Amino acid sequence: MNLLDYIPIVQDFPKPGVGFRDVSPLLANPAAFSVALDLLNDQFAQSDYDVIAGIDSRGFIFGTALARLTGKPFVMIRKANKLPPETLRVSYELEYGSDHLEIRKGLLQPTDRVLIVDDVLATGGTLLASKQLIEMAGARVCGALTLLEIAFLGGSKKLAQQNLLFRAALSV
């Protein structure tokens, strides 16, 4: 099964000139979703991590499914003002502005080794902001995982420069 057949490019979304990789068809196909989860799980199967942190919003889908599969706890990294107090917050730059991410205080412990999960790696800014947030919470990031890497955008190189171990199930 070629999973890329289930992740089409939607041109000029969310703005002109952008080719958006839509995971909706993959999620709507139980067989494709199952294969995707197995591929994701294989990426860090031999790694020692305690907690999965998923990034708002599609990282929740893959992160919670992996948490269920592995028996690991799941923690949400949310966009600003979506979690009740108390939270930690970090700002980060996007191609077209800036944004904020938050995590609930007290959910991560200093001994936790966290695997960050999202759907797509583009430029790497969101994963690096998530790493910073988890470290602010006192835990250690042991890696980052996405279903898809858009290689020409250089995100994995940016992550490597910041010593963040990264793996993707698929790359285009």
N, C-alpha and C. Protein backbone atom coordinates (compact mmCIF):
# COMPACT_ATOMS: atom_id res chain seq x y z
N MET A 1 0.85 -1.18 0.00
CA MET A 1 0.00 0.00 0.00
C MET A 1 0.89 1.24 0.00
N ASN A 2 0.65 2.15 -0.93
CA ASN A 2 1.38 3.41 -0.99
C ASN A 2 0.59 4.46 -0.21
N LEU A 3 1.06 4.80 0.98
CA LEU A 3 0.32 5.74 1.82
C LEU A 3 0.23 7.13 1.22
N LEU A 4 1.17 7.49 0.36
CA LEU A 4 1.10 8.82 -0.27
C LEU A 4 -0.15 8.96 -1.14
N ASP A 5 -0.70 7.84 -1.60
CA ASP A 5 -1.96 7.90 -2.34
C ASP A 5 -3.11 8.41 -1.47
N TYR A 6 -2.94 8.33 -0.15
CA TYR A 6 -3.97 8.75 0.79
C TYR A 6 -3.66 10.10 1.43
N ILE A 7 -2.60 10.77 0.95
CA ILE A 7 -2.21 12.08 1.48
C ILE A 7 -2.04 13.03 0.29
N PRO A 8 -3.15 13.43 -0.34
CA PRO A 8 -3.05 14.26 -1.54
C PRO A 8 -2.57 15.68 -1.24
N ILE A 9 -2.10 16.34 -2.28
CA ILE A 9 -1.73 17.75 -2.18
C ILE A 9 -2.94 18.59 -2.57
N VAL A 10 -3.29 19.54 -1.71
CA VAL A 10 -4.35 20.50 -2.00
C VAL A 10 -3.65 21.82 -2.31
N GLN A 11 -3.72 22.24 -3.56
CA GLN A 11 -3.02 23.45 -4.00
C GLN A 11 -3.70 24.71 -3.46
N ASP A 12 -2.86 25.71 -3.19
CA ASP A 12 -3.31 27.04 -2.76
C ASP A 12 -4.15 26.99 -1.48
N PHE A 13 -3.77 26.12 -0.57
CA PHE A 13 -4.42 26.04 0.73
C PHE A 13 -3.35 25.91 1.81
N PRO A 14 -3.38 26.64 2.87
CA PRO A 14 -4.43 27.57 3.29
C PRO A 14 -4.31 28.97 2.67
N LYS A 15 -3.29 29.17 1.84
CA LYS A 15 -3.15 30.46 1.15
C LYS A 15 -2.54 30.21 -0.22
N PRO A 16 -2.64 31.16 -1.13
CA PRO A 16 -2.10 30.98 -2.48
C PRO A 16 -0.61 30.62 -2.46
N GLY A 17 -0.25 29.68 -3.31
CA GLY A 17 1.15 29.26 -3.43
C GLY A 17 1.55 28.11 -2.52
N VAL A 18 0.69 27.73 -1.59
CA VAL A 18 1.00 26.64 -0.66
C VAL A 18 0.35 25.36 -1.17
N GLY A 19 1.12 24.26 -1.13
CA GLY A 19 0.59 22.93 -1.42
C GLY A 19 0.43 22.17 -0.12
N PHE A 20 -0.79 22.03 0.36
CA PHE A 20 -1.10 21.43 1.65
C PHE A 20 -1.26 19.92 1.52
N ARG A 21 -0.56 19.16 2.35
CA ARG A 21 -0.70 17.70 2.38
C ARG A 21 -1.84 17.35 3.34
N ASP A 22 -2.92 16.81 2.79
CA ASP A 22 -4.13 16.52 3.55
C ASP A 22 -4.17 15.06 3.98
N VAL A 23 -4.12 14.83 5.30
CA VAL A 23 -4.15 13.46 5.82
C VAL A 23 -5.58 12.93 6.01
N SER A 24 -6.58 13.73 5.71
CA SER A 24 -7.98 13.31 5.91
C SER A 24 -8.32 12.00 5.21
N PRO A 25 -7.95 11.81 3.93
CA PRO A 25 -8.26 10.53 3.29
C PRO A 25 -7.59 9.33 3.96
N LEU A 26 -6.39 9.52 4.48
CA LEU A 26 -5.70 8.44 5.19
C LEU A 26 -6.47 8.07 6.45
N LEU A 27 -6.92 9.09 7.19
CA LEU A 27 -7.67 8.83 8.42
C LEU A 27 -9.01 8.17 8.14
N ALA A 28 -9.58 8.44 6.98
CA ALA A 28 -10.89 7.88 6.61
C ALA A 28 -10.80 6.44 6.12
N ASN A 29 -9.58 5.94 5.94
CA ASN A 29 -9.39 4.58 5.45
C ASN A 29 -8.74 3.75 6.56
N PRO A 30 -9.49 2.87 7.24
CA PRO A 30 -8.94 2.13 8.37
C PRO A 30 -7.67 1.34 8.04
N ALA A 31 -7.60 0.75 6.86
CA ALA A 31 -6.41 -0.03 6.50
C ALA A 31 -5.19 0.88 6.35
N ALA A 32 -5.36 2.01 5.68
CA ALA A 32 -4.25 2.95 5.50
C ALA A 32 -3.81 3.54 6.83
N PHE A 33 -4.77 3.88 7.69
CA PHE A 33 -4.45 4.44 9.00
C PHE A 33 -3.68 3.42 9.84
N SER A 34 -4.08 2.17 9.78
CA SER A 34 -3.40 1.11 10.52
C SER A 34 -1.96 0.93 10.04
N VAL A 35 -1.76 0.93 8.72
CA VAL A 35 -0.40 0.83 8.17
C VAL A 35 0.43 2.03 8.61
N ALA A 36 -0.16 3.22 8.57
CA ALA A 36 0.55 4.43 8.99
C ALA A 36 0.98 4.34 10.45
N LEU A 37 0.09 3.88 11.32
CA LEU A 37 0.43 3.75 12.74
C LEU A 37 1.55 2.74 12.96
N ASP A 38 1.51 1.64 12.24
CA ASP A 38 2.59 0.66 12.37
C ASP A 38 3.92 1.25 11.92
N LEU A 39 3.91 2.00 10.83
CA LEU A 39 5.15 2.66 10.36
C LEU A 39 5.65 3.68 11.38
N LEU A 40 4.74 4.46 11.93
CA LEU A 40 5.13 5.43 12.95
C LEU A 40 5.72 4.73 14.16
N ASN A 41 5.05 3.71 14.64
CA ASN A 41 5.52 2.98 15.82
C ASN A 41 6.90 2.37 15.59
N ASP A 42 7.15 1.89 14.39
CA ASP A 42 8.44 1.28 14.07
C ASP A 42 9.60 2.27 14.17
N GLN A 43 9.34 3.56 13.96
CA GLN A 43 10.41 4.56 13.92
C GLN A 43 11.16 4.69 15.25
N PHE A 44 10.44 4.57 16.37
CA PHE A 44 11.05 4.71 17.68
C PHE A 44 10.82 3.47 18.55
N ALA A 45 10.56 2.33 17.93
CA ALA A 45 10.24 1.11 18.68
C ALA A 45 11.37 0.68 19.61
N GLN A 46 12.60 0.95 19.23
CA GLN A 46 13.74 0.55 20.05
C GLN A 46 14.22 1.67 20.98
N SER A 47 13.50 2.77 21.00
CA SER A 47 13.90 3.92 21.82
C SER A 47 13.23 3.86 23.18
N ASP A 48 13.87 4.52 24.12
CA ASP A 48 13.39 4.53 25.49
C ASP A 48 12.72 5.87 25.78
N TYR A 49 11.41 5.92 25.66
CA TYR A 49 10.67 7.13 25.99
C TYR A 49 9.51 6.76 26.90
N ASP A 50 9.07 7.75 27.69
CA ASP A 50 8.03 7.52 28.70
C ASP A 50 6.68 8.11 28.34
N VAL A 51 6.71 9.22 27.61
CA VAL A 51 5.51 10.01 27.35
C VAL A 51 5.48 10.41 25.88
N ILE A 52 4.28 10.46 25.31
CA ILE A 52 4.08 10.98 23.96
C ILE A 52 3.39 12.33 24.09
N ALA A 53 3.96 13.35 23.43
CA ALA A 53 3.36 14.68 23.40
C ALA A 53 2.93 14.97 21.97
N GLY A 54 1.65 15.21 21.76
CA GLY A 54 1.12 15.49 20.43
C GLY A 54 0.84 16.96 20.26
N ILE A 55 1.15 17.46 19.05
CA ILE A 55 0.99 18.88 18.75
C ILE A 55 -0.39 19.12 18.14
N ASP A 56 -1.05 20.16 18.62
CA ASP A 56 -2.35 20.61 18.14
C ASP A 56 -2.31 20.85 16.64
N SER A 57 -3.16 20.28 15.86
CA SER A 57 -4.25 19.39 16.22
C SER A 57 -4.05 17.98 15.66
N ARG A 58 -3.44 17.87 14.48
CA ARG A 58 -3.33 16.53 13.90
C ARG A 58 -2.31 15.66 14.63
N GLY A 59 -1.42 16.25 15.38
CA GLY A 59 -0.52 15.47 16.22
C GLY A 59 -1.28 14.73 17.31
N PHE A 60 -2.47 15.25 17.67
CA PHE A 60 -3.32 14.55 18.64
C PHE A 60 -3.79 13.21 18.08
N ILE A 61 -4.13 13.21 16.81
CA ILE A 61 -4.67 11.99 16.18
C ILE A 61 -3.63 10.88 16.20
N PHE A 62 -2.45 11.19 15.69
CA PHE A 62 -1.40 10.17 15.61
C PHE A 62 -0.80 9.89 16.99
N GLY A 63 -0.67 10.92 17.81
CA GLY A 63 -0.09 10.74 19.13
C GLY A 63 -0.95 9.90 20.06
N THR A 64 -2.26 10.15 20.07
CA THR A 64 -3.12 9.35 20.95
C THR A 64 -3.22 7.91 20.47
N ALA A 65 -3.23 7.72 19.16
CA ALA A 65 -3.27 6.35 18.63
C ALA A 65 -1.99 5.60 19.00
N LEU A 66 -0.84 6.28 18.91
CA LEU A 66 0.43 5.65 19.32
C LEU A 66 0.46 5.39 20.82
N ALA A 67 -0.08 6.32 21.60
CA ALA A 67 -0.14 6.13 23.05
C ALA A 67 -0.97 4.89 23.39
N ARG A 68 -2.07 4.72 22.71
CA ARG A 68 -2.91 3.54 22.92
C ARG A 68 -2.17 2.26 22.52
N LEU A 69 -1.47 2.34 21.40
CA LEU A 69 -0.73 1.19 20.89
C LEU A 69 0.41 0.78 21.82
N THR A 70 1.09 1.78 22.40
CA THR A 70 2.29 1.52 23.20
C THR A 70 2.04 1.50 24.71
N GLY A 71 0.87 1.94 25.13
CA GLY A 71 0.59 2.00 26.56
C GLY A 71 1.26 3.17 27.26
N LYS A 72 1.69 4.18 26.50
CA LYS A 72 2.35 5.36 27.07
C LYS A 72 1.32 6.46 27.33
N PRO A 73 1.58 7.31 28.33
CA PRO A 73 0.69 8.45 28.54
C PRO A 73 0.83 9.47 27.41
N PHE A 74 -0.22 10.26 27.22
CA PHE A 74 -0.26 11.28 26.17
C PHE A 74 -0.49 12.65 26.80
N VAL A 75 0.30 13.62 26.33
CA VAL A 75 0.18 15.01 26.78
C VAL A 75 -0.05 15.89 25.56
N MET A 76 -0.98 16.85 25.70
CA MET A 76 -1.29 17.75 24.59
C MET A 76 -0.41 19.00 24.60
N ILE A 77 0.10 19.36 23.44
CA ILE A 77 0.72 20.66 23.21
C ILE A 77 -0.29 21.43 22.37
N ARG A 78 -0.85 22.49 22.98
CA ARG A 78 -1.98 23.18 22.36
C ARG A 78 -1.61 24.56 21.87
N LYS A 79 -2.42 25.05 20.94
CA LYS A 79 -2.33 26.44 20.55
C LYS A 79 -2.77 27.28 21.74
N ALA A 80 -2.39 28.55 21.74
CA ALA A 80 -2.62 29.43 22.89
C ALA A 80 -4.09 29.50 23.29
N ASN A 81 -4.30 29.59 24.60
CA ASN A 81 -5.62 29.81 25.21
C ASN A 81 -6.61 28.68 24.97
N LYS A 82 -6.12 27.47 24.83
CA LYS A 82 -6.99 26.31 24.65
C LYS A 82 -6.95 25.36 25.85
N LEU A 83 -6.06 25.64 26.80
CA LEU A 83 -5.92 24.81 28.00
C LEU A 83 -6.29 25.63 29.23
N PRO A 84 -6.86 24.99 30.25
CA PRO A 84 -7.12 25.72 31.49
C PRO A 84 -5.81 26.02 32.21
N PRO A 85 -5.82 27.01 33.10
CA PRO A 85 -4.60 27.34 33.85
C PRO A 85 -4.21 26.15 34.73
N GLU A 86 -3.00 26.01 35.10
CA GLU A 86 -1.84 26.81 34.78
C GLU A 86 -1.11 26.18 33.62
N THR A 87 -0.55 27.03 32.76
CA THR A 87 0.16 26.55 31.58
C THR A 87 1.52 27.22 31.47
N LEU A 88 2.35 26.59 30.66
CA LEU A 88 3.60 27.20 30.21
C LEU A 88 3.38 27.56 28.75
N ARG A 89 4.00 28.66 28.30
CA ARG A 89 3.77 29.14 26.93
C ARG A 89 5.10 29.50 26.27
N VAL A 90 5.16 29.22 24.98
CA VAL A 90 6.32 29.61 24.17
C VAL A 90 5.81 30.22 22.88
N SER A 91 6.51 31.27 22.39
CA SER A 91 6.18 31.84 21.08
C SER A 91 7.17 31.35 20.06
N TYR A 92 6.72 31.30 18.81
CA TYR A 92 7.60 30.87 17.74
C TYR A 92 7.17 31.53 16.44
N GLU A 93 8.10 31.58 15.51
CA GLU A 93 7.86 32.25 14.23
C GLU A 93 7.35 31.27 13.19
N LEU A 94 6.40 31.73 12.41
CA LEU A 94 5.88 31.00 11.26
C LEU A 94 6.31 31.73 9.99
N GLU A 95 6.05 31.11 8.85
CA GLU A 95 6.40 31.75 7.59
C GLU A 95 5.65 33.06 7.41
N TYR A 96 4.49 33.19 8.03
CA TYR A 96 3.62 34.34 7.81
C TYR A 96 3.24 35.05 9.11
N GLY A 97 4.08 34.95 10.14
CA GLY A 97 3.79 35.62 11.40
C GLY A 97 4.36 34.86 12.58
N SER A 98 3.68 34.94 13.71
CA SER A 98 4.12 34.21 14.89
C SER A 98 2.91 33.57 15.55
N ASP A 99 3.18 32.63 16.45
CA ASP A 99 2.12 31.92 17.15
C ASP A 99 2.64 31.50 18.51
N HIS A 100 1.78 30.89 19.30
CA HIS A 100 2.15 30.43 20.65
C HIS A 100 1.67 28.99 20.84
N LEU A 101 2.42 28.26 21.63
CA LEU A 101 2.03 26.92 22.06
C LEU A 101 2.04 26.88 23.57
N GLU A 102 1.19 26.01 24.14
CA GLU A 102 1.10 25.87 25.58
C GLU A 102 1.02 24.40 25.98
N ILE A 103 1.42 24.15 27.23
CA ILE A 103 1.31 22.83 27.83
C ILE A 103 0.87 23.04 29.29
N ARG A 104 0.09 22.11 29.81
CA ARG A 104 -0.33 22.20 31.22
C ARG A 104 0.85 21.96 32.14
N LYS A 105 0.95 22.79 33.16
CA LYS A 105 1.97 22.59 34.19
C LYS A 105 1.63 21.33 34.98
N GLY A 106 2.68 20.62 35.39
CA GLY A 106 2.51 19.49 36.27
C GLY A 106 2.25 18.15 35.62
N LEU A 107 2.05 18.13 34.31
CA LEU A 107 1.80 16.84 33.64
C LEU A 107 3.09 16.09 33.33
N LEU A 108 4.18 16.81 33.17
CA LEU A 108 5.48 16.19 32.90
C LEU A 108 6.36 16.27 34.14
N GLN A 109 7.15 15.23 34.33
CA GLN A 109 8.07 15.16 35.46
C GLN A 109 9.51 15.29 34.97
N PRO A 110 10.43 15.69 35.84
CA PRO A 110 11.84 15.83 35.42
C PRO A 110 12.46 14.53 34.89
N THR A 111 11.92 13.40 35.28
CA THR A 111 12.47 12.12 34.80
C THR A 111 11.86 11.67 33.47
N ASP A 112 10.84 12.38 32.98
CA ASP A 112 10.16 11.97 31.75
C ASP A 112 11.03 12.19 30.52
N ARG A 113 11.01 11.17 29.65
CA ARG A 113 11.63 11.26 28.32
C ARG A 113 10.48 11.29 27.33
N VAL A 114 10.39 12.39 26.59
CA VAL A 114 9.20 12.67 25.79
C VAL A 114 9.48 12.52 24.29
N LEU A 115 8.56 11.86 23.61
CA LEU A 115 8.57 11.77 22.15
C LEU A 115 7.49 12.71 21.63
N ILE A 116 7.89 13.69 20.81
CA ILE A 116 6.95 14.65 20.22
C ILE A 116 6.40 14.06 18.92
N VAL A 117 5.08 14.14 18.73
CA VAL A 117 4.44 13.59 17.54
C VAL A 117 3.60 14.66 16.84
N ASP A 118 3.74 14.72 15.52
CA ASP A 118 2.90 15.60 14.70
C ASP A 118 2.63 14.89 13.37
N ASP A 119 1.83 15.50 12.53
CA ASP A 119 1.50 14.85 11.26
C ASP A 119 2.55 15.11 10.19
N VAL A 120 2.97 16.37 10.03
CA VAL A 120 3.87 16.74 8.93
C VAL A 120 4.99 17.63 9.45
N LEU A 121 6.21 17.37 8.99
CA LEU A 121 7.34 18.27 9.23
C LEU A 121 7.51 19.13 7.99
N ALA A 122 7.42 20.44 8.16
CA ALA A 122 7.68 21.38 7.07
C ALA A 122 9.00 22.09 7.38
N THR A 123 8.94 23.24 8.05
CA THR A 123 10.16 24.00 8.33
C THR A 123 10.79 23.65 9.67
N GLY A 124 10.06 22.98 10.54
CA GLY A 124 10.60 22.57 11.83
C GLY A 124 10.31 23.50 12.99
N GLY A 125 9.73 24.66 12.71
CA GLY A 125 9.49 25.64 13.77
C GLY A 125 8.58 25.15 14.88
N THR A 126 7.52 24.46 14.53
CA THR A 126 6.57 23.98 15.54
C THR A 126 7.20 22.89 16.41
N LEU A 127 7.96 21.99 15.81
CA LEU A 127 8.62 20.94 16.60
C LEU A 127 9.66 21.54 17.53
N LEU A 128 10.42 22.53 17.06
CA LEU A 128 11.43 23.15 17.93
C LEU A 128 10.77 23.93 19.06
N ALA A 129 9.66 24.61 18.79
CA ALA A 129 8.93 25.30 19.85
C ALA A 129 8.39 24.30 20.87
N SER A 130 7.92 23.16 20.39
CA SER A 130 7.42 22.11 21.29
C SER A 130 8.54 21.56 22.16
N LYS A 131 9.71 21.39 21.58
CA LYS A 131 10.88 20.93 22.35
C LYS A 131 11.19 21.93 23.47
N GLN A 132 11.19 23.20 23.12
CA GLN A 132 11.46 24.24 24.11
C GLN A 132 10.42 24.21 25.23
N LEU A 133 9.17 24.03 24.88
CA LEU A 133 8.09 23.99 25.86
C LEU A 133 8.24 22.80 26.82
N ILE A 134 8.56 21.64 26.28
CA ILE A 134 8.74 20.45 27.11
C ILE A 134 9.93 20.63 28.06
N GLU A 135 10.99 21.23 27.56
CA GLU A 135 12.16 21.50 28.41
C GLU A 135 11.82 22.54 29.49
N MET A 136 10.99 23.54 29.15
CA MET A 136 10.53 24.50 30.16
C MET A 136 9.75 23.79 31.26
N ALA A 137 9.03 22.73 30.89
CA ALA A 137 8.25 21.95 31.85
C ALA A 137 9.13 21.05 32.70
N GLY A 138 10.43 20.98 32.38
CA GLY A 138 11.37 20.22 33.17
C GLY A 138 11.67 18.83 32.67
N ALA A 139 11.04 18.41 31.58
CA ALA A 139 11.26 17.07 31.04
C ALA A 139 12.31 17.11 29.94
N ARG A 140 12.67 15.94 29.45
CA ARG A 140 13.68 15.82 28.39
C ARG A 140 13.02 15.28 27.13
N VAL A 141 13.36 15.88 26.00
CA VAL A 141 12.86 15.41 24.71
C VAL A 141 13.84 14.39 24.16
N CYS A 142 13.35 13.21 23.83
CA CYS A 142 14.23 12.18 23.27
C CYS A 142 14.09 12.05 21.76
N GLY A 143 13.09 12.73 21.16
CA GLY A 143 12.95 12.67 19.72
C GLY A 143 11.65 13.29 19.25
N ALA A 144 11.57 13.42 17.93
CA ALA A 144 10.36 13.95 17.29
C ALA A 144 10.01 13.04 16.12
N LEU A 145 8.72 12.84 15.92
CA LEU A 145 8.22 11.89 14.93
C LEU A 145 7.05 12.50 14.17
N THR A 146 7.09 12.39 12.84
CA THR A 146 5.94 12.80 12.03
C THR A 146 5.62 11.69 11.03
N LEU A 147 4.40 11.73 10.56
CA LEU A 147 4.01 10.81 9.51
C LEU A 147 4.75 11.15 8.22
N LEU A 148 4.84 12.45 7.91
CA LEU A 148 5.37 12.89 6.63
C LEU A 148 6.37 14.02 6.82
N GLU A 149 7.47 13.95 6.09
CA GLU A 149 8.44 15.04 6.02
C GLU A 149 8.41 15.62 4.62
N ILE A 150 8.30 16.94 4.52
CA ILE A 150 8.42 17.63 3.23
C ILE A 150 9.87 18.10 3.15
N ALA A 151 10.71 17.26 2.56
CA ALA A 151 12.16 17.38 2.67
C ALA A 151 12.72 18.69 2.11
N PHE A 152 12.18 19.19 1.00
CA PHE A 152 12.78 20.37 0.37
C PHE A 152 12.65 21.63 1.23
N LEU A 153 11.79 21.61 2.24
CA LEU A 153 11.65 22.76 3.13
C LEU A 153 12.75 22.82 4.20
N GLY A 154 13.53 21.75 4.34
CA GLY A 154 14.71 21.77 5.20
C GLY A 154 14.47 21.65 6.68
N GLY A 155 13.28 21.26 7.09
CA GLY A 155 12.99 21.15 8.52
C GLY A 155 13.86 20.17 9.26
N SER A 156 14.15 19.02 8.66
CA SER A 156 14.96 18.02 9.36
C SER A 156 16.38 18.52 9.59
N LYS A 157 16.90 19.32 8.68
CA LYS A 157 18.24 19.91 8.89
C LYS A 157 18.22 20.89 10.05
N LYS A 158 17.16 21.67 10.13
CA LYS A 158 17.03 22.63 11.24
C LYS A 158 16.94 21.88 12.58
N LEU A 159 16.21 20.77 12.60
CA LEU A 159 16.10 19.98 13.82
C LEU A 159 17.44 19.38 14.21
N ALA A 160 18.18 18.88 13.22
CA ALA A 160 19.50 18.30 13.49
C ALA A 160 20.45 19.35 14.05
N GLN A 161 20.38 20.57 13.54
CA GLN A 161 21.23 21.65 14.05
C GLN A 161 20.94 21.95 15.51
N GLN A 162 19.73 21.67 15.95
CA GLN A 162 19.34 21.88 17.35
C GLN A 162 19.39 20.58 18.16
N ASN A 163 20.07 19.57 17.61
CA ASN A 163 20.25 18.28 18.29
C ASN A 163 18.93 17.60 18.67
N LEU A 164 17.94 17.72 17.79
CA LEU A 164 16.67 17.03 18.01
C LEU A 164 16.60 15.85 17.06
N LEU A 165 16.64 14.65 17.61
CA LEU A 165 16.53 13.43 16.82
C LEU A 165 15.16 13.40 16.16
N PHE A 166 15.14 13.23 14.84
CA PHE A 166 13.90 13.27 14.10
C PHE A 166 13.78 12.07 13.18
N ARG A 167 12.57 11.54 13.11
CA ARG A 167 12.26 10.48 12.15
C ARG A 167 10.87 10.71 11.58
N ALA A 168 10.71 10.34 10.32
CA ALA A 168 9.40 10.40 9.66
C ALA A 168 9.13 9.05 9.02
N ALA A 169 7.86 8.67 9.01
CA ALA A 169 7.49 7.41 8.36
C ALA A 169 7.59 7.53 6.85
N LEU A 170 7.32 8.74 6.32
CA LEU A 170 7.34 8.99 4.87
C LEU A 170 8.03 10.31 4.60
N SER A 171 8.63 10.42 3.42
CA SER A 171 9.27 11.67 3.03
C SER A 171 8.98 11.96 1.56
N VAL A 172 8.69 13.22 1.28
CA VAL A 172 8.48 13.65 -0.11
C VAL A 172 9.33 14.87 -0.39
